[in-house]
Each structure stands twice: as C-alpha cells, then as structure tokens.
PDB file of N, CA and C in Angstrom:
ATOM      1  N   MET A   1       2.542  -5.991  20.756  1.00  0.00           N
ATOM      2  CA  MET A   1       1.821  -3.946  20.693  1.00  0.00           C
ATOM      3  C   MET A   1       1.369  -4.165  19.102  1.00  0.00           C
ATOM      4  N   HIS A   2       0.486  -3.035  19.777  1.00  0.00           N
ATOM      5  CA  HIS A   2      -0.107  -2.527  18.633  1.00  0.00           C
ATOM      6  C   HIS A   2       0.816  -1.174  17.777  1.00  0.00           C
ATOM      7  N   VAL A   3       0.647  -1.236  16.180  1.00  0.00           N
ATOM      8  CA  VAL A   3       1.952  -0.674  15.569  1.00  0.00           C
ATOM      9  C   VAL A   3       0.545   0.082  14.324  1.00  0.00           C
ATOM     10  N   PRO A   4       0.745   1.242  15.276  1.00  0.00           N
ATOM     11  CA  PRO A   4      -1.000   1.546  14.076  1.00  0.00           C
ATOM     12  C   PRO A   4      -0.370   1.637  12.577  1.00  0.00           C
ATOM     13  N   SER A   5       0.530   1.641  12.047  1.00  0.00           N
ATOM     14  CA  SER A   5       0.975   2.129  10.865  1.00  0.00           C
ATOM     15  C   SER A   5       1.574   0.245  10.219  1.00  0.00           C
ATOM     16  N   LEU A   6       0.636  -0.716  10.981  1.00  0.00           N
ATOM     17  CA  LEU A   6       0.717  -1.708  10.347  1.00  0.00           C
ATOM     18  C   LEU A   6      -0.566  -1.822   9.900  1.00  0.00           C
ATOM     19  N   ARG A   7      -1.813  -1.180  10.278  1.00  0.00           N
ATOM     20  CA  ARG A   7      -3.479  -1.293  10.264  1.00  0.00           C
ATOM     21  C   ARG A   7      -2.949  -1.259   8.879  1.00  0.00           C
ATOM     22  N   GLU A   8      -4.327  -1.991   8.283  1.00  0.00           N
ATOM     23  CA  GLU A   8      -4.794  -2.532   6.779  1.00  0.00           C
ATOM     24  C   GLU A   8      -6.289  -1.678   7.161  1.00  0.00           C
ATOM     25  N   ASP A   9      -7.351  -1.522   5.686  1.00  0.00           N
ATOM     26  CA  ASP A   9      -8.386  -1.452   5.982  1.00  0.00           C
ATOM     27  C   ASP A   9      -8.949  -2.769   5.001  1.00  0.00           C
ATOM     28  N   ALA A  10     -10.050  -3.368   5.062  1.00  0.00           N
ATOM     29  CA  ALA A  10     -10.397  -4.753   4.721  1.00  0.00           C
ATOM     30  C   ALA A  10      -9.847  -4.351   3.099  1.00  0.00           C
ATOM     31  N   HIS A  11      -9.266  -5.431   2.077  1.00  0.00           N
ATOM     32  CA  HIS A  11      -8.349  -5.605   1.000  1.00  0.00           C
ATOM     33  C   HIS A  11      -9.588  -7.531   0.902  1.00  0.00           C
ATOM     34  N   GLY A  12      -9.982  -7.265  -1.171  1.00  0.00           N
ATOM     35  CA  GLY A  12      -9.563  -8.467  -1.832  1.00  0.00           C
ATOM     36  C   GLY A  12      -8.674  -8.454  -2.795  1.00  0.00           C
ATOM     37  N   LEU A  13      -8.452 -10.172  -3.540  1.00  0.00           N
ATOM     38  CA  LEU A  13      -7.965 -10.239  -4.176  1.00  0.00           C
ATOM     39  C   LEU A  13      -8.662 -10.992  -5.929  1.00  0.00           C
ATOM     40  N   LEU A  14      -8.647 -10.130  -6.669  1.00  0.00           N
ATOM     41  CA  LEU A  14      -8.792 -11.019  -7.863  1.00  0.00           C
ATOM     42  C   LEU A  14      -7.657 -11.754  -8.293  1.00  0.00           C
ATOM     43  N   ASN A  15      -8.284 -13.341  -8.593  1.00  0.00           N
ATOM     44  CA  ASN A  15      -7.031 -13.931  -9.157  1.00  0.00           C
ATOM     45  C   ASN A  15      -8.109 -14.380 -10.369  1.00  0.00           C
ATOM     46  N   ALA A  16      -7.234 -15.617 -10.736  1.00  0.00           N
ATOM     47  CA  ALA A  16      -8.318 -16.185 -12.725  1.00  0.00           C
ATOM     48  C   ALA A  16      -7.310 -17.105 -12.756  1.00  0.00           C
ATOM     49  N   ARG A  17      -7.815 -18.468 -13.541  1.00  0.00           N
ATOM     50  CA  ARG A  17      -6.952 -19.400 -14.246  1.00  0.00           C
ATOM     51  C   ARG A  17      -7.802 -19.873 -15.009  1.00  0.00           C
ATOM     52  N   ALA A  18      -7.680 -20.549 -16.117  1.00  0.00           N
ATOM     53  CA  ALA A  18      -8.398 -20.998 -17.340  1.00  0.00           C
ATOM     54  C   ALA A  18      -7.358 -21.954 -17.483  1.00  0.00           C
ATOM     55  N   SER A  19      -8.191 -23.321 -18.362  1.00  0.00           N
ATOM     56  CA  SER A  19      -7.407 -24.469 -18.174  1.00  0.00           C
ATOM     57  C   SER A  19      -7.629 -25.445 -19.253  1.00  0.00           C
ATOM     58  N   TYR A  20      -7.359 -25.984 -20.113  1.00  0.00           N
ATOM     59  CA  TYR A  20      -7.718 -27.096 -21.032  1.00  0.00           C
ATOM     60  C   TYR A  20      -7.585 -28.517 -20.416  1.00  0.00           C
ATOM     61  N   GLU A  21      -7.994 -29.354 -20.797  1.00  0.00           N
ATOM     62  CA  GLU A  21      -7.575 -30.871 -20.880  1.00  0.00           C
ATOM     63  C   GLU A  21      -7.582 -31.602 -22.085  1.00  0.00           C
ATOM     64  N   PHE A  22      -7.111 -32.221 -21.935  1.00  0.00           N
ATOM     65  CA  PHE A  22      -7.172 -33.308 -23.239  1.00  0.00           C
ATOM     66  C   PHE A  22      -6.054 -34.947 -22.903  1.00  0.00           C
ATOM     67  N   MET A  23      -6.706 -35.804 -24.486  1.00  0.00           N
ATOM     68  CA  MET A  23      -5.698 -36.611 -24.324  1.00  0.00           C
ATOM     69  C   MET A  23      -6.443 -37.297 -22.913  1.00  0.00           C
ATOM     70  N   ASP A  24      -7.921 -37.817 -23.201  1.00  0.00           N
ATOM     71  CA  ASP A  24      -8.325 -38.199 -22.100  1.00  0.00           C
ATOM     72  C   ASP A  24      -7.450 -37.948 -20.804  1.00  0.00           C
ATOM     73  N   GLU A  25      -7.944 -36.371 -20.386  1.00  0.00           N
ATOM     74  CA  GLU A  25      -7.216 -35.825 -19.422  1.00  0.00           C
ATOM     75  C   GLU A  25      -6.325 -35.882 -18.759  1.00  0.00           C
ATOM     76  N   ARG A  26      -5.642 -36.885 -19.319  1.00  0.00           N
ATOM     77  CA  ARG A  26      -3.864 -36.930 -18.977  1.00  0.00           C
ATOM     78  C   ARG A  26      -3.000 -35.489 -18.831  1.00  0.00           C
ATOM     79  N   VAL A  27      -3.235 -34.655 -20.231  1.00  0.00           N
ATOM     80  CA  VAL A  27      -2.823 -33.598 -20.059  1.00  0.00           C
ATOM     81  C   VAL A  27      -3.555 -32.196 -19.853  1.00  0.00           C
ATOM     82  N   GLU A  28      -3.141 -31.503 -18.854  1.00  0.00           N
ATOM     83  CA  GLU A  28      -3.964 -30.172 -19.327  1.00  0.00           C
ATOM     84  C   GLU A  28      -3.065 -29.064 -19.481  1.00  0.00           C
ATOM     85  N   VAL A  29      -3.720 -27.825 -19.809  1.00  0.00           N
ATOM     86  CA  VAL A  29      -2.145 -26.949 -20.246  1.00  0.00           C
ATOM     87  C   VAL A  29      -3.219 -25.809 -18.932  1.00  0.00           C
ATOM     88  N   ALA A  30      -2.408 -24.516 -18.380  1.00  0.00           N
ATOM     89  CA  ALA A  30      -3.392 -23.632 -18.006  1.00  0.00           C
ATOM     90  C   ALA A  30      -3.086 -22.509 -17.802  1.00  0.00           C
ATOM     91  N   LEU A  31      -3.757 -21.109 -17.835  1.00  0.00           N
ATOM     92  CA  LEU A  31      -2.722 -20.044 -17.673  1.00  0.00           C
ATOM     93  C   LEU A  31      -3.655 -19.561 -16.823  1.00  0.00           C
ATOM     94  N   PHE A  32      -2.497 -18.534 -15.552  1.00  0.00           N
ATOM     95  CA  PHE A  32      -2.797 -17.724 -14.353  1.00  0.00           C
ATOM     96  C   PHE A  32      -2.721 -17.077 -14.032  1.00  0.00           C
ATOM     97  N   VAL A  33      -3.329 -15.820 -12.946  1.00  0.00           N
ATOM     98  CA  VAL A  33      -2.987 -14.321 -12.994  1.00  0.00           C
ATOM     99  C   VAL A  33      -2.895 -14.589 -11.850  1.00  0.00           C
ATOM    100  N   ARG A  34      -2.417 -13.712 -11.192  1.00  0.00           N
ATOM    101  CA  ARG A  34      -2.613 -13.246  -9.628  1.00  0.00           C
ATOM    102  C   ARG A  34      -3.087 -11.995  -9.317  1.00  0.00           C
ATOM    103  N   ASN A  35      -3.449 -11.630  -8.229  1.00  0.00           N
ATOM    104  CA  ASN A  35      -3.649 -10.282  -8.317  1.00  0.00           C
ATOM    105  C   ASN A  35      -4.257  -9.572  -9.517  1.00  0.00           C
ATOM    106  N   LEU A  36      -4.682  -9.480  -9.890  1.00  0.00           N
ATOM    107  CA  LEU A  36      -5.496  -9.065 -11.490  1.00  0.00           C
ATOM    108  C   LEU A  36      -5.520  -7.399 -11.125  1.00  0.00           C
ATOM    109  N   THR A  37      -6.173  -7.099  -9.511  1.00  0.00           N
ATOM    110  CA  THR A  37      -6.751  -5.615  -9.685  1.00  0.00           C
ATOM    111  C   THR A  37      -5.206  -5.117  -8.978  1.00  0.00           C
ATOM    112  N   GLU A  38      -3.911  -5.112  -9.558  1.00  0.00           N
ATOM    113  CA  GLU A  38      -2.639  -4.455  -8.151  1.00  0.00           C
ATOM    114  C   GLU A  38      -3.201  -4.202  -7.271  1.00  0.00           C
ATOM    115  N   GLU A  39      -3.748  -4.794  -6.384  1.00  0.00           N
ATOM    116  CA  GLU A  39      -3.980  -4.684  -4.699  1.00  0.00           C
ATOM    117  C   GLU A  39      -2.898  -4.481  -4.098  1.00  0.00           C
ATOM    118  N   GLU A  40      -2.364  -3.477  -3.678  1.00  0.00           N
ATOM    119  CA  GLU A  40      -1.109  -3.536  -2.575  1.00  0.00           C
ATOM    120  C   GLU A  40      -1.879  -4.021  -0.965  1.00  0.00           C
ATOM    121  N   PHE A  41      -0.976  -4.536  -0.068  1.00  0.00           N
ATOM    122  CA  PHE A  41      -1.108  -4.288   0.938  1.00  0.00           C
ATOM    123  C   PHE A  41       0.102  -4.515   1.927  1.00  0.00           C
ATOM    124  N   VAL A  42      -0.095  -4.486   2.883  1.00  0.00           N
ATOM    125  CA  VAL A  42       1.045  -4.754   3.996  1.00  0.00           C
ATOM    126  C   VAL A  42       0.490  -6.155   4.791  1.00  0.00           C
ATOM    127  N   VAL A  43       1.324  -7.485   4.119  1.00  0.00           N
ATOM    128  CA  VAL A  43       1.014  -8.369   4.618  1.00  0.00           C
ATOM    129  C   VAL A  43       1.833  -8.575   6.341  1.00  0.00           C
ATOM    130  N   THR A  44       2.585  -8.617   6.664  1.00  0.00           N
ATOM    131  CA  THR A  44       3.322  -8.412   7.856  1.00  0.00           C
ATOM    132  C   THR A  44       4.356  -7.350   8.138  1.00  0.00           C
ATOM    133  N   GLY A  45       4.891  -7.080   9.050  1.00  0.00           N
ATOM    134  CA  GLY A  45       5.788  -6.312   9.726  1.00  0.00           C
ATOM    135  C   GLY A  45       6.156  -6.504  11.073  1.00  0.00           C
ATOM    136  N   TYR A  46       7.033  -5.183  11.373  1.00  0.00           N
ATOM    137  CA  TYR A  46       8.234  -5.617  12.224  1.00  0.00           C
ATOM    138  C   TYR A  46       8.261  -4.111  12.808  1.00  0.00           C
ATOM    139  N   ASP A  47       8.321  -3.972  13.977  1.00  0.00           N
ATOM    140  CA  ASP A  47       8.290  -2.496  14.986  1.00  0.00           C
ATOM    141  C   ASP A  47       9.695  -2.956  15.639  1.00  0.00           C
ATOM    142  N   THR A  48      10.510  -2.274  14.906  1.00  0.00           N
ATOM    143  CA  THR A  48      12.112  -2.101  15.378  1.00  0.00           C
ATOM    144  C   THR A  48      12.363  -0.788  16.235  1.00  0.00           C
ATOM    145  N   ALA A  49      11.200   0.358  16.465  1.00  0.00           N
ATOM    146  CA  ALA A  49      11.005   1.280  17.065  1.00  0.00           C
ATOM    147  C   ALA A  49      11.706   0.696  18.531  1.00  0.00           C
ATOM    148  N   SER A  50      10.993  -0.327  19.184  1.00  0.00           N
ATOM    149  CA  SER A  50      10.864  -0.301  20.275  1.00  0.00           C
ATOM    150  C   SER A  50      12.381  -0.983  20.533  1.00  0.00           C
ATOM    151  N   ALA A  51      13.243  -1.926  20.065  1.00  0.00           N
ATOM    152  CA  ALA A  51      14.241  -1.655  20.020  1.00  0.00           C
ATOM    153  C   ALA A  51      15.370  -0.366  19.704  1.00  0.00           C
ATOM    154  N   GLY A  52      15.186   0.492  19.244  1.00  0.00           N
ATOM    155  CA  GLY A  52      16.277   1.519  19.128  1.00  0.00           C
ATOM    156  C   GLY A  52      16.409   2.420  18.134  1.00  0.00           C
ATOM    157  N   PHE A  53      15.969   1.644  17.146  1.00  0.00           N
ATOM    158  CA  PHE A  53      16.053   1.362  16.039  1.00  0.00           C
ATOM    159  C   PHE A  53      15.312   2.742  15.352  1.00  0.00           C
ATOM    160  N   GLY A  54      14.284   2.791  15.546  1.00  0.00           N
ATOM    161  CA  GLY A  54      12.766   4.245  15.734  1.00  0.00           C
ATOM    162  C   GLY A  54      12.514   3.519  13.971  1.00  0.00           C
ATOM    163  N   ALA A  55      12.349   2.386  13.569  1.00  0.00           N
ATOM    164  CA  ALA A  55      11.642   2.272  12.094  1.00  0.00           C
ATOM    165  C   ALA A  55      10.474   1.573  12.349  1.00  0.00           C
ATOM    166  N   HIS A  56       9.680   1.191  11.701  1.00  0.00           N
ATOM    167  CA  HIS A  56       8.673  -0.057  11.360  1.00  0.00           C
ATOM    168  C   HIS A  56       8.790  -0.512  10.045  1.00  0.00           C
ATOM    169  N   ILE A  57       9.175  -1.999   9.645  1.00  0.00           N
ATOM    170  CA  ILE A  57       9.838  -2.383   8.396  1.00  0.00           C
ATOM    171  C   ILE A  57       8.115  -3.358   8.156  1.00  0.00           C
ATOM    172  N   HIS A  58       7.805  -2.981   6.901  1.00  0.00           N
ATOM    173  CA  HIS A  58       6.785  -3.548   6.254  1.00  0.00           C
ATOM    174  C   HIS A  58       6.795  -5.010   4.635  1.00  0.00           C
ATOM    175  N   VAL A  59       5.850  -5.652   5.281  1.00  0.00           N
ATOM    176  CA  VAL A  59       6.595  -6.560   4.204  1.00  0.00           C
ATOM    177  C   VAL A  59       4.743  -6.609   2.939  1.00  0.00           C
ATOM    178  N   LEU A  60       5.117  -6.340   2.051  1.00  0.00           N
ATOM    179  CA  LEU A  60       4.103  -5.896   1.086  1.00  0.00           C
ATOM    180  C   LEU A  60       4.046  -7.636   0.597  1.00  0.00           C
ATOM    181  N   ASN A  61       2.224  -7.151   0.134  1.00  0.00           N
ATOM    182  CA  ASN A  61       2.130  -8.736  -0.906  1.00  0.00           C
ATOM    183  C   ASN A  61       2.618  -8.594  -2.220  1.00  0.00           C
ATOM    184  N   GLN A  62       2.687  -9.689  -2.783  1.00  0.00           N
ATOM    185  CA  GLN A  62       3.017 -10.243  -3.872  1.00  0.00           C
ATOM    186  C   GLN A  62       1.897  -9.337  -5.242  1.00  0.00           C
ATOM    187  N   PRO A  63       2.825  -8.895  -6.482  1.00  0.00           N
ATOM    188  CA  PRO A  63       2.230  -7.983  -7.011  1.00  0.00           C
ATOM    189  C   PRO A  63       1.646  -8.492  -8.023  1.00  0.00           C
ATOM    190  N   LEU A  64       1.204  -8.054  -9.054  1.00  0.00           N
ATOM    191  CA  LEU A  64       0.092  -8.670 -10.050  1.00  0.00           C
ATOM    192  C   LEU A  64       1.342  -9.717 -11.117  1.00  0.00           C
ATOM    193  N   THR A  65       1.115 -11.107 -11.080  1.00  0.00           N
ATOM    194  CA  THR A  65       1.436 -12.451 -11.407  1.00  0.00           C
ATOM    195  C   THR A  65       1.284 -12.846 -12.161  1.00  0.00           C
ATOM    196  N   PHE A  66       1.493 -13.349 -13.189  1.00  0.00           N
ATOM    197  CA  PHE A  66       0.903 -14.574 -13.979  1.00  0.00           C
ATOM    198  C   PHE A  66       1.693 -15.531 -14.411  1.00  0.00           C
ATOM    199  N   GLY A  67       1.351 -16.683 -15.289  1.00  0.00           N
ATOM    200  CA  GLY A  67       2.206 -17.443 -15.496  1.00  0.00           C
ATOM    201  C   GLY A  67       1.128 -18.539 -16.489  1.00  0.00           C
ATOM    202  N   GLY A  68       1.910 -20.044 -16.716  1.00  0.00           N
ATOM    203  CA  GLY A  68       1.000 -21.408 -17.085  1.00  0.00           C
ATOM    204  C   GLY A  68       1.317 -21.637 -16.409  1.00  0.00           C
ATOM    205  N   GLN A  69       1.053 -23.155 -16.978  1.00  0.00           N
ATOM    206  CA  GLN A  69       1.568 -24.660 -16.599  1.00  0.00           C
ATOM    207  C   GLN A  69       1.015 -25.598 -17.309  1.00  0.00           C
ATOM    208  N   LEU A  70       1.468 -26.752 -16.968  1.00  0.00           N
ATOM    209  CA  LEU A  70       1.623 -27.768 -18.348  1.00  0.00           C
ATOM    210  C   LEU A  70       1.807 -28.952 -17.532  1.00  0.00           C
ATOM    211  N   ILE A  71       0.495 -29.675 -17.395  1.00  0.00           N
ATOM    212  CA  ILE A  71       0.488 -30.816 -16.038  1.00  0.00           C
ATOM    213  C   ILE A  71       0.507 -32.362 -16.731  1.00  0.00           C
ATOM    214  N   PHE A  72       0.807 -33.073 -16.494  1.00  0.00           N
ATOM    215  CA  PHE A  72       1.018 -34.110 -17.058  1.00  0.00           C
ATOM    216  C   PHE A  72       0.628 -35.486 -15.893  1.00  0.00           C
ATOM    217  N   ARG A  73      -0.294 -36.611 -16.357  1.00  0.00           N
ATOM    218  CA  ARG A  73      -0.990 -36.915 -15.371  1.00  0.00           C
ATOM    219  C   ARG A  73      -0.521 -38.221 -16.076  1.00  0.00           C
ATOM    220  N   PHE A  74       0.425 -39.471 -15.227  1.00  0.00           N
ATOM    221  CA  PHE A  74       0.305 -40.795 -15.447  1.00  0.00           C
ATOM    222  C   PHE A  74      -0.135 -41.799 -15.452  1.00  0.00           C
TER     223      PHE A  74
END
C-alpha cells in the first residue's frame, strides 16, 4: 500500500573517519562522525490507518553520532 506521508525526496549522508596506526600496525586509534550534516529522513514506517487506528508511524534515521575506536591486532 502506498502511504504518501512516507515518501521521501533523495538525500545523502556525510560520514567521516580518521585513524592512525602504530606499533607495526598492531594498534589503531580512530575517531568517527556519522550524519555530519544532521540530515533527517524516514527510514521506514507503518500504516496503522488501515487497521483502524488512523495514524502513520515514522521511524527516522540516526542523528548526528560521533565516537572513537581503539583497535588492537594480535
């Protein structure tokens, strides 16, 4: 079933990651950021109107997220 409120225009995401390896490439330190431009769009959704509830449920993408990684290779 086509649900007009779930229709999205084209969009893009900007993610970034920077890393540094040392100790003969056995240790890596990295920083990352996802959704740098803070795009918001519907990932999926549900039409509850056909079940008699009269609502559409939208699930949005993840917001701006950032973090780091410390990787050890044995």
